[in-house]
Protein backbone atom coordinates (compact mmCIF):
# COMPACT_ATOMS: atom_id res chain seq x y z
CA MET A 1 50.30 67.43 -43.35
CA ASN A 2 50.78 68.05 -47.05
CA GLY A 3 48.74 70.40 -49.18
CA PHE A 4 48.32 72.57 -52.22
CA LEU A 5 46.30 75.70 -52.76
CA HIS A 6 43.01 75.74 -54.62
CA LYS A 7 41.79 79.13 -55.80
CA ARG A 8 38.18 79.95 -56.43
CA GLY A 9 37.41 80.06 -60.11
CA GLN A 10 40.14 77.67 -61.21
CA LEU A 11 37.74 75.33 -62.91
CA HIS A 12 40.50 73.15 -64.33
CA PHE A 13 41.17 71.91 -60.78
CA ALA A 14 37.56 70.89 -60.18
CA SER A 15 37.35 69.24 -63.59
CA SER A 16 40.53 67.24 -63.16
CA LEU A 17 39.51 66.19 -59.66
CA VAL A 18 36.16 64.94 -60.84
CA THR A 19 37.98 62.95 -63.51
CA SER A 20 40.30 61.46 -60.91
CA LEU A 21 37.31 60.61 -58.76
CA VAL A 22 35.70 58.71 -61.59
CA LEU A 23 38.92 56.95 -62.54
CA GLY A 24 39.94 56.40 -58.96
CA TYR A 25 37.24 53.97 -57.87
CA VAL A 26 39.01 51.04 -56.31
CA LEU A 27 36.23 48.73 -55.25
CA VAL A 28 36.65 45.06 -55.93
CA VAL A 29 33.15 43.98 -54.92
CA THR A 30 30.38 44.89 -57.35
CA TYR A 31 26.89 45.32 -55.94
CA VAL A 32 23.92 45.00 -58.30
CA PRO A 33 20.69 46.15 -56.61
CA THR A 34 17.66 43.90 -56.85
CA GLN A 35 14.05 45.00 -56.94
CA ASP A 36 13.50 44.09 -53.30
CA ASP A 37 16.56 45.94 -51.99
CA GLN A 38 15.10 49.02 -50.33
CA ILE A 39 18.46 50.78 -49.85
CA ALA A 40 18.83 51.32 -53.60
CA ARG A 41 15.14 51.76 -54.36
CA TYR A 42 15.59 55.23 -55.86
CA GLY A 43 18.93 54.57 -57.51
CA LEU A 44 22.62 54.60 -56.63
CA PRO A 45 24.90 57.58 -57.17
CA GLU A 46 27.63 57.12 -59.74
CA GLY A 47 30.40 54.67 -59.06
CA THR A 48 31.10 51.05 -58.26
CA PRO A 49 29.46 50.36 -54.90
CA LEU A 50 30.66 48.35 -51.93
CA ARG A 51 28.10 46.87 -49.55
CA CYS A 52 28.99 47.34 -45.87
CA GLY A 53 26.17 45.71 -43.96
CA HIS A 54 23.18 48.05 -43.92
CA PHE A 55 24.74 50.75 -46.10
CA ILE A 56 26.64 51.16 -49.37
CA VAL A 57 29.74 53.23 -50.13
CA ALA A 58 31.86 54.03 -53.17
CA VAL A 59 35.50 54.67 -52.27
CA ASP A 60 37.77 56.94 -54.29
CA GLY A 61 41.37 55.78 -54.68
CA ALA A 62 42.65 59.28 -55.43
CA THR A 63 41.43 60.91 -52.23
CA ARG A 64 41.41 57.72 -50.08
CA GLY A 65 37.89 58.18 -48.77
CA PRO A 66 34.25 57.53 -49.64
CA ARG A 67 32.99 59.50 -52.63
CA TRP A 68 29.50 58.82 -51.30
CA ALA A 69 27.70 56.72 -48.72
CA LEU A 70 24.05 55.69 -48.99
CA GLU A 71 21.73 54.44 -46.26
CA HIS A 72 18.07 53.50 -45.97
CA LEU A 73 16.31 54.49 -42.74
CA THR A 74 12.97 52.99 -41.78
CA PRO A 75 10.58 54.70 -39.34
CA GLY A 76 11.16 53.99 -35.68
CA GLU A 77 13.09 55.21 -32.69
CA PHE A 78 16.87 55.41 -32.71
CA ARG A 79 18.39 54.11 -29.50
CA HIS A 80 21.69 55.11 -27.95
CA ALA A 81 24.53 53.57 -29.94
CA ASP A 82 26.83 51.58 -27.66
CA ARG A 83 30.34 52.18 -29.01
CA ASP A 84 32.26 50.52 -26.19
CA GLY A 85 35.26 48.66 -27.54
CA LEU A 86 34.67 49.71 -31.15
CA THR A 87 37.51 51.15 -33.22
CA PHE A 88 37.80 51.94 -36.90
CA ARG A 89 39.27 49.18 -39.05
CA ALA A 90 40.70 49.11 -42.55
CA GLU A 91 38.52 47.85 -45.41
CA LEU A 92 40.45 44.81 -46.60
CA ARG A 93 38.45 44.50 -49.81
CA ILE A 94 40.19 47.61 -51.10
CA PRO A 95 43.61 46.99 -52.71
CA SER A 96 46.45 47.74 -50.29
CA GLU A 97 47.90 50.54 -52.41
CA PHE A 98 44.67 52.53 -51.96
CA ARG A 99 43.63 51.32 -48.53
CA THR A 100 43.31 53.77 -45.66
CA LEU A 101 44.75 52.49 -42.38
CA PRO A 102 43.99 53.39 -38.76
CA ARG A 103 47.47 54.85 -38.34
CA ASP A 104 46.67 57.41 -41.04
CA PHE A 105 44.26 59.02 -38.58
CA LYS A 106 46.74 59.52 -35.74
CA GLU A 107 46.87 63.24 -36.54
CA PRO A 108 45.58 64.81 -33.28
CA LEU A 109 43.86 67.71 -35.03
CA PHE A 110 41.25 65.48 -36.66
CA ASP A 111 38.54 63.04 -35.69
CA VAL A 112 37.69 59.98 -37.74
CA GLY A 113 34.40 61.34 -39.05
CA HIS A 114 31.59 58.93 -39.94
CA MET A 115 29.65 59.41 -43.17
CA ILE A 116 27.01 56.86 -42.08
CA PRO A 117 26.70 57.62 -38.36
CA ALA A 118 27.01 54.89 -35.75
CA ALA A 119 23.91 56.34 -34.09
CA ASN A 120 21.84 55.42 -37.15
CA GLY A 121 22.49 51.74 -36.49
CA ARG A 122 19.72 49.90 -34.68
CA THR A 123 21.60 46.69 -33.87
CA PRO A 124 25.10 46.01 -32.53
CA ALA A 125 26.07 44.63 -35.95
CA GLU A 126 24.89 47.77 -37.74
CA ILE A 127 26.71 50.03 -35.29
CA LYS A 128 29.91 48.01 -35.69
CA ALA A 129 29.64 48.12 -39.49
CA THR A 130 29.96 51.92 -39.47
CA PHE A 131 33.44 51.70 -37.91
CA ASN A 132 34.96 51.05 -41.31
CA LEU A 133 37.51 53.45 -42.78
CA ALA A 134 35.71 53.14 -46.11
CA ASN A 135 32.98 55.11 -44.29
CA ALA A 136 35.19 57.87 -42.86
CA TRP A 137 36.90 61.18 -43.58
CA PRO A 138 39.17 63.33 -41.42
CA GLN A 139 37.04 65.97 -39.70
CA SER A 140 38.01 68.62 -37.18
CA HIS A 141 36.65 67.78 -33.75
CA ALA A 142 34.71 71.04 -33.55
CA PHE A 143 32.99 70.26 -36.86
CA ASN A 144 32.40 66.56 -36.14
CA ALA A 145 31.00 67.16 -32.66
CA GLY A 146 29.23 70.37 -33.62
CA VAL A 147 27.34 71.25 -36.77
CA TRP A 148 27.84 67.82 -38.45
CA LEU A 149 26.41 66.11 -35.37
CA SER A 150 23.48 68.51 -35.43
CA LEU A 151 22.76 67.54 -39.04
CA GLU A 152 22.93 63.84 -38.17
CA LYS A 153 20.39 64.41 -35.39
CA GLU A 154 18.10 66.31 -37.76
CA VAL A 155 18.22 63.41 -40.22
CA ARG A 156 17.26 60.98 -37.44
CA ARG A 157 14.45 63.26 -36.31
CA ILE A 158 12.92 63.21 -39.77
CA ALA A 159 13.52 59.47 -40.26
CA THR A 160 11.87 58.56 -36.95
CA THR A 161 8.46 58.98 -38.58
CA ASN A 162 9.28 58.86 -42.30
CA GLU A 163 10.99 56.25 -44.45
CA SER A 164 14.10 57.93 -45.82
CA TRP A 165 17.19 57.46 -47.95
CA VAL A 166 20.30 59.54 -47.21
CA ILE A 167 23.42 60.18 -49.27
CA SER A 168 26.44 61.66 -47.47
CA ALA A 169 29.42 62.94 -49.44
CA PRO A 170 32.53 65.10 -49.36
CA ILE A 171 32.19 68.37 -51.24
CA TRP A 172 35.20 69.46 -53.28
CA ASN A 173 33.73 72.09 -55.62
CA VAL A 174 33.18 74.99 -53.21
CA PRO A 175 32.78 78.76 -53.75
CA PHE A 176 35.70 79.73 -51.52
CA ASP A 177 39.48 79.43 -51.49
CA TYR A 178 40.85 76.52 -49.54
CA ARG A 179 44.02 74.53 -49.03
CA VAL A 180 43.67 70.86 -49.83
CA GLU A 181 45.52 69.05 -47.08
CA SER A 182 46.18 65.41 -46.38
CA ILE A 183 47.10 63.29 -43.39
CA GLY A 184 48.86 59.99 -42.90
CA LYS A 185 51.27 57.97 -45.00
CA THR A 186 48.58 57.25 -47.60
CA GLN A 187 47.75 60.99 -47.80
CA VAL A 188 44.06 60.92 -46.98
CA ARG A 189 42.66 64.18 -48.32
CA ILE A 190 40.72 66.53 -46.04
CA PRO A 191 37.53 67.75 -47.77
CA PRO A 192 36.73 71.48 -47.60
CA ALA A 193 33.03 70.75 -47.06
CA PHE A 194 30.57 67.91 -46.49
CA GLY A 195 26.98 67.42 -47.49
CA LYS A 196 23.91 65.24 -47.25
CA SER A 197 20.93 64.73 -49.54
CA MET A 198 17.85 63.13 -48.00
CA LEU A 199 14.88 61.65 -49.87
CA THR A 200 11.88 61.17 -47.58
CA LYS A 201 8.47 59.63 -48.17
CA THR A 202 5.77 61.63 -46.41
CA SER A 203 1.97 61.50 -46.39
CA ASN A 204 2.07 64.30 -48.97
CA GLY A 205 4.54 62.54 -51.27
CA ILE A 206 8.30 62.52 -51.72
CA VAL A 207 10.40 65.35 -50.32
CA VAL A 208 14.11 65.88 -50.99
CA LEU A 209 16.29 67.98 -48.68
CA SER A 210 19.98 68.75 -49.18
CA TRP A 211 22.65 70.49 -47.13
CA ILE A 212 26.26 71.59 -47.71
CA ILE A 213 28.38 72.62 -44.71
CA PRO A 214 31.90 74.08 -45.04
CA HIS A 215 34.42 72.12 -42.99
CA HIS A 216 35.62 75.29 -41.27
CA GLU A 217 32.14 75.84 -39.85
CA GLU A 218 32.53 75.13 -36.16
CA THR A 219 29.58 77.08 -34.84
CA ARG A 220 26.01 75.91 -34.41
CA LYS A 221 24.24 78.09 -36.95
CA PRO A 222 20.64 77.11 -37.66
CA LEU A 223 20.69 74.15 -40.07
CA PRO A 224 18.36 75.90 -42.55
CA GLU A 225 21.28 78.24 -43.32
CA TYR A 226 23.10 75.28 -44.87
CA ARG A 227 20.19 74.12 -47.01
CA VAL A 228 20.82 74.06 -50.76
CA THR A 229 18.87 72.79 -53.71
CA THR A 230 19.64 69.21 -54.66
CA ASP A 231 20.77 70.52 -58.04
CA GLU A 232 23.36 72.60 -56.17
CA PHE A 233 24.35 69.58 -54.08
CA GLU A 234 24.83 67.49 -57.23
CA THR A 235 26.99 70.16 -58.85
CA ALA A 236 29.17 70.59 -55.77
CA ALA A 237 29.51 66.85 -55.08
CA GLY A 238 29.84 65.78 -58.72
CA LEU A 239 27.05 63.22 -58.25
CA ASP A 240 23.75 62.47 -59.92
CA VAL A 241 21.49 61.48 -57.02
CA TRP A 242 18.01 59.90 -56.89
CA SER A 243 18.44 58.98 -60.54
CA LEU A 244 15.63 56.43 -60.63
CA LEU A 245 12.94 58.98 -59.89
CA PRO A 246 10.96 59.99 -63.00
CA GLN A 247 12.76 62.79 -64.81
CA ASP A 248 9.98 65.33 -64.31
CA VAL A 249 9.83 64.52 -60.59
CA GLN A 250 13.60 64.88 -60.30
CA GLN A 251 13.54 68.27 -61.96
CA ARG A 252 10.78 69.51 -59.68
CA LEU A 253 12.14 68.17 -56.39
CA GLU A 254 15.79 68.93 -57.00
CA ALA A 255 15.14 72.61 -57.74
CA VAL A 256 13.60 73.21 -54.29
CA ARG A 257 15.74 74.45 -51.40
């Protein structure tokens, strides 16, 4: 693994990384949402999106992973996701010089961590679509099978009875020192934290919930401890989310933890 040290307070690092994220989009398929496309009903985060079946991602060429992934979940039960025979595959629509390959994830210390979980798929085709390296980051097994899995389950619990939209993203701008490491020949970066922002339609109106979880968190702390305001999520992720909500509604909802 290769790496360099990031120190808290060195804002020039965060600024230059955000710039590289913006300049590093490497998608060759442009998706323009239509009025009847429910996935993008409340707006897409920044970036050129790539449609992958039932979800959308924007891949960053500098870090070799998804800058964000967006899904639309309709009410209903989530059944057990049958993963038999499924393995992650490269996204061939990404130019080869930026494309992440399965062999990049041979590092035994890390899982191939889904951004859009396989368990959120309701058909074999949807489950298979999530096994795309454009939808994955390196995650420690303890994190992937622990607190991140708990958050995925919480999202499904809410979405079982409420129509929801969920954005998952790596978090690079964090309030602690960390060593940015990479794996594989293409040097896939390992994010220091991950987060989700969830917009849900309830009988009382729209609710927005956001979480940020440090990658080193391997315990099962109560999920409310990882709740942040959506404004904080946007700042940490470098994304403007739910941008098609009316401005006054955004300001009100995104200030609530």
